[in-house]
Amino acid sequence: MNKVLFPNGTDTLDIYEWTTDWSDYFDDGHEWYGACCWSVYDKTLNRYAVMLVSATD
């Protein structure tokens, strides 16, 4: 997946983890397997990728 999203490698990525308490989308994940919100900036491509995850059973 990294090759597809970040074809120039991962050494120059800026990765930020954000809080997940700003939306009820993440509520089920908080109760079960987890929730995360990350943004990844690729300086070489001037591109952002954002991942919103909330896992439950």
C-alpha atoms as a PDB file:
ATOM      1  CA  MET A   1       0.000   0.000   0.000  1.00  0.00           C
ATOM      2  CA  ASN A   2       2.887   2.382   0.749  1.00  0.00           C
ATOM      3  CA  LYS A   3       4.207   1.951  -2.822  1.00  0.00           C
ATOM      4  CA  VAL A   4       0.827   2.998  -4.219  1.00  0.00           C
ATOM      5  CA  LEU A   5       0.250   5.972  -1.911  1.00  0.00           C
ATOM      6  CA  PHE A   6       3.875   7.089  -1.539  1.00  0.00           C
ATOM      7  CA  PRO A   7       5.850   5.981  -4.614  1.00  0.00           C
ATOM      8  CA  ASN A   8       8.863   8.145  -3.681  1.00  0.00           C
ATOM      9  CA  GLY A   9       9.353   6.337  -0.345  1.00  0.00           C
ATOM     10  CA  THR A  10       8.414   7.105   3.224  1.00  0.00           C
ATOM     11  CA  ASP A  11      11.515   8.921   4.497  1.00  0.00           C
ATOM     12  CA  THR A  12      10.138  12.426   3.890  1.00  0.00           C
ATOM     13  CA  LEU A  13       6.587  11.914   5.167  1.00  0.00           C
ATOM     14  CA  ASP A  14       5.082  14.126   7.862  1.00  0.00           C
ATOM     15  CA  ILE A  15       2.632  12.000   9.866  1.00  0.00           C
ATOM     16  CA  TYR A  16       0.202  13.430  12.401  1.00  0.00           C
ATOM     17  CA  GLU A  17      -2.176  11.617  14.721  1.00  0.00           C
ATOM     18  CA  TRP A  18      -5.331  13.558  15.559  1.00  0.00           C
ATOM     19  CA  THR A  19      -7.776  13.130  18.401  1.00  0.00           C
ATOM     20  CA  THR A  20     -10.934  11.160  17.619  1.00  0.00           C
ATOM     21  CA  ASP A  21     -13.276  12.781  20.124  1.00  0.00           C
ATOM     22  CA  TRP A  22     -14.572  15.355  17.624  1.00  0.00           C
ATOM     23  CA  SER A  23     -17.063  13.061  15.839  1.00  0.00           C
ATOM     24  CA  ASP A  24     -19.525  10.339  16.809  1.00  0.00           C
ATOM     25  CA  TYR A  25     -18.193   8.345  13.817  1.00  0.00           C
ATOM     26  CA  PHE A  26     -15.475   7.037  16.153  1.00  0.00           C
ATOM     27  CA  ASP A  27     -17.737   6.114  19.110  1.00  0.00           C
ATOM     28  CA  ASP A  28     -18.050   2.388  18.323  1.00  0.00           C
ATOM     29  CA  GLY A  29     -14.307   2.129  17.901  1.00  0.00           C
ATOM     30  CA  HIS A  30     -13.728   3.752  21.282  1.00  0.00           C
ATOM     31  CA  GLU A  31     -15.852   1.024  22.860  1.00  0.00           C
ATOM     32  CA  TRP A  32     -14.312  -1.924  20.983  1.00  0.00           C
ATOM     33  CA  TYR A  33     -11.161  -2.363  18.893  1.00  0.00           C
ATOM     34  CA  GLY A  34     -10.011   1.206  18.515  1.00  0.00           C
ATOM     35  CA  ALA A  35     -10.235   4.376  16.501  1.00  0.00           C
ATOM     36  CA  CYS A  36      -7.670   6.591  14.820  1.00  0.00           C
ATOM     37  CA  CYS A  37      -7.403   9.643  12.630  1.00  0.00           C
ATOM     38  CA  TRP A  38      -4.103  10.257  10.839  1.00  0.00           C
ATOM     39  CA  SER A  39      -2.952  12.641   8.165  1.00  0.00           C
ATOM     40  CA  VAL A  40       0.144  11.917   6.112  1.00  0.00           C
ATOM     41  CA  TYR A  41       1.827  14.578   4.012  1.00  0.00           C
ATOM     42  CA  ASP A  42       4.199  13.549   1.214  1.00  0.00           C
ATOM     43  CA  LYS A  43       6.556  16.491   0.638  1.00  0.00           C
ATOM     44  CA  THR A  44       7.897  15.056  -2.623  1.00  0.00           C
ATOM     45  CA  LEU A  45       4.457  14.898  -4.233  1.00  0.00           C
ATOM     46  CA  ASN A  46       2.817  17.766  -2.312  1.00  0.00           C
ATOM     47  CA  ARG A  47      -0.009  15.367  -1.429  1.00  0.00           C
ATOM     48  CA  TYR A  48      -2.004  14.497   1.689  1.00  0.00           C
ATOM     49  CA  ALA A  49      -3.517  11.148   2.610  1.00  0.00           C
ATOM     50  CA  VAL A  50      -6.037  11.035   5.465  1.00  0.00           C
ATOM     51  CA  MET A  51      -7.066   7.863   7.288  1.00  0.00           C
ATOM     52  CA  LEU A  52     -10.158   7.678   9.471  1.00  0.00           C
ATOM     53  CA  VAL A  53     -10.610   4.329  11.206  1.00  0.00           C
ATOM     54  CA  SER A  54     -13.161   3.049  13.688  1.00  0.00           C
ATOM     55  CA  ALA A  55     -13.295  -0.703  14.302  1.00  0.00           C
ATOM     56  CA  THR A  56     -16.015  -2.666  16.056  1.00  0.00           C
ATOM     57  CA  ASP A  57     -17.253  -6.244  15.960  1.00  0.00           C
END
